[in-house]
Amino acid sequence: MRRRQTAANLLARVATDVSRPAAVRRAALVGLETSGAAAATTPLLRVARSGDDDLARAALLALGGRR
């Protein structure tokens, strides 16, 4: 469980880092989707509200795919 949280935290930092290329941020969003960590929800919502249509769409798809 601890490893999952650590991975989710790293992916969250990458996904919300505006200095990173969009492709890298999208990949981090997919990683957050598959991580299964509860900590993934907040960064996904943050990106969904960011105003960047492409990243927001990816974040919303990631939120929809979480179980």
Protein backbone atom coordinates (compact mmCIF):
# COMPACT_ATOMS: atom_id res chain seq x y z
CA MET A 1 0.00 0.00 0.00
CA ARG A 2 2.80 2.43 0.83
CA ARG A 3 4.43 1.89 -2.57
CA ARG A 4 1.10 2.66 -4.29
CA GLN A 5 0.77 5.93 -2.38
CA THR A 6 4.36 6.94 -3.19
CA ALA A 7 3.84 6.24 -6.90
CA ALA A 8 0.57 8.17 -6.89
CA ASN A 9 2.23 11.15 -5.20
CA LEU A 10 5.02 11.22 -7.79
CA LEU A 11 2.55 10.90 -10.67
CA ALA A 12 0.41 13.67 -9.15
CA ARG A 13 3.41 16.02 -9.03
CA VAL A 14 4.23 15.29 -12.67
CA ALA A 15 0.60 15.59 -13.83
CA THR A 16 0.17 19.01 -12.20
CA ASP A 17 3.61 20.41 -13.16
CA VAL A 18 2.87 23.00 -15.87
CA SER A 19 6.54 23.11 -16.90
CA ARG A 20 6.32 19.50 -18.18
CA PRO A 21 5.33 18.69 -21.76
CA ALA A 22 1.66 17.84 -22.25
CA ALA A 23 2.50 14.30 -23.37
CA VAL A 24 4.36 13.63 -20.12
CA ARG A 25 1.51 15.06 -18.08
CA ARG A 26 -1.02 12.92 -19.99
CA ALA A 27 1.08 9.83 -19.30
CA ALA A 28 1.09 10.71 -15.59
CA LEU A 29 -2.70 11.03 -15.71
CA VAL A 30 -2.97 7.52 -17.13
CA GLY A 31 -0.65 6.31 -14.38
CA LEU A 32 -2.86 7.93 -11.77
CA GLU A 33 -5.87 6.21 -13.27
CA THR A 34 -4.28 2.79 -13.00
CA SER A 35 -2.62 3.36 -9.62
CA GLY A 36 -5.79 2.65 -7.68
CA ALA A 37 -4.67 5.07 -4.98
CA ALA A 38 -7.25 7.25 -3.28
CA ALA A 39 -4.72 10.11 -3.44
CA ALA A 40 -5.13 10.18 -7.22
CA THR A 41 -8.57 11.81 -7.15
CA THR A 42 -7.51 15.29 -6.04
CA PRO A 43 -4.78 15.82 -8.67
CA LEU A 44 -7.05 14.44 -11.39
CA LEU A 45 -9.74 16.94 -10.41
CA ARG A 46 -7.15 19.74 -10.27
CA VAL A 47 -6.02 18.99 -13.83
CA ALA A 48 -9.64 18.63 -14.99
CA ARG A 49 -10.25 22.20 -13.81
CA SER A 50 -6.97 23.57 -15.15
CA GLY A 51 -8.38 25.17 -18.30
CA ASP A 52 -6.25 23.09 -20.68
CA ASP A 53 -8.89 21.29 -22.74
CA ASP A 54 -6.71 18.34 -23.80
CA LEU A 55 -5.37 17.65 -20.32
CA ALA A 56 -8.79 18.24 -18.76
CA ARG A 57 -10.29 15.65 -21.11
CA ALA A 58 -7.54 13.16 -20.22
CA ALA A 59 -8.08 13.79 -16.50
CA LEU A 60 -11.84 13.31 -16.79
CA LEU A 61 -11.34 10.07 -18.72
CA ALA A 62 -8.94 8.94 -16.00
CA LEU A 63 -11.50 9.78 -13.32
CA GLY A 64 -14.16 7.87 -15.23
CA GLY A 65 -11.92 4.84 -15.52
CA ARG A 66 -11.09 4.59 -11.83
CA ARG A 67 -12.71 1.86 -9.76
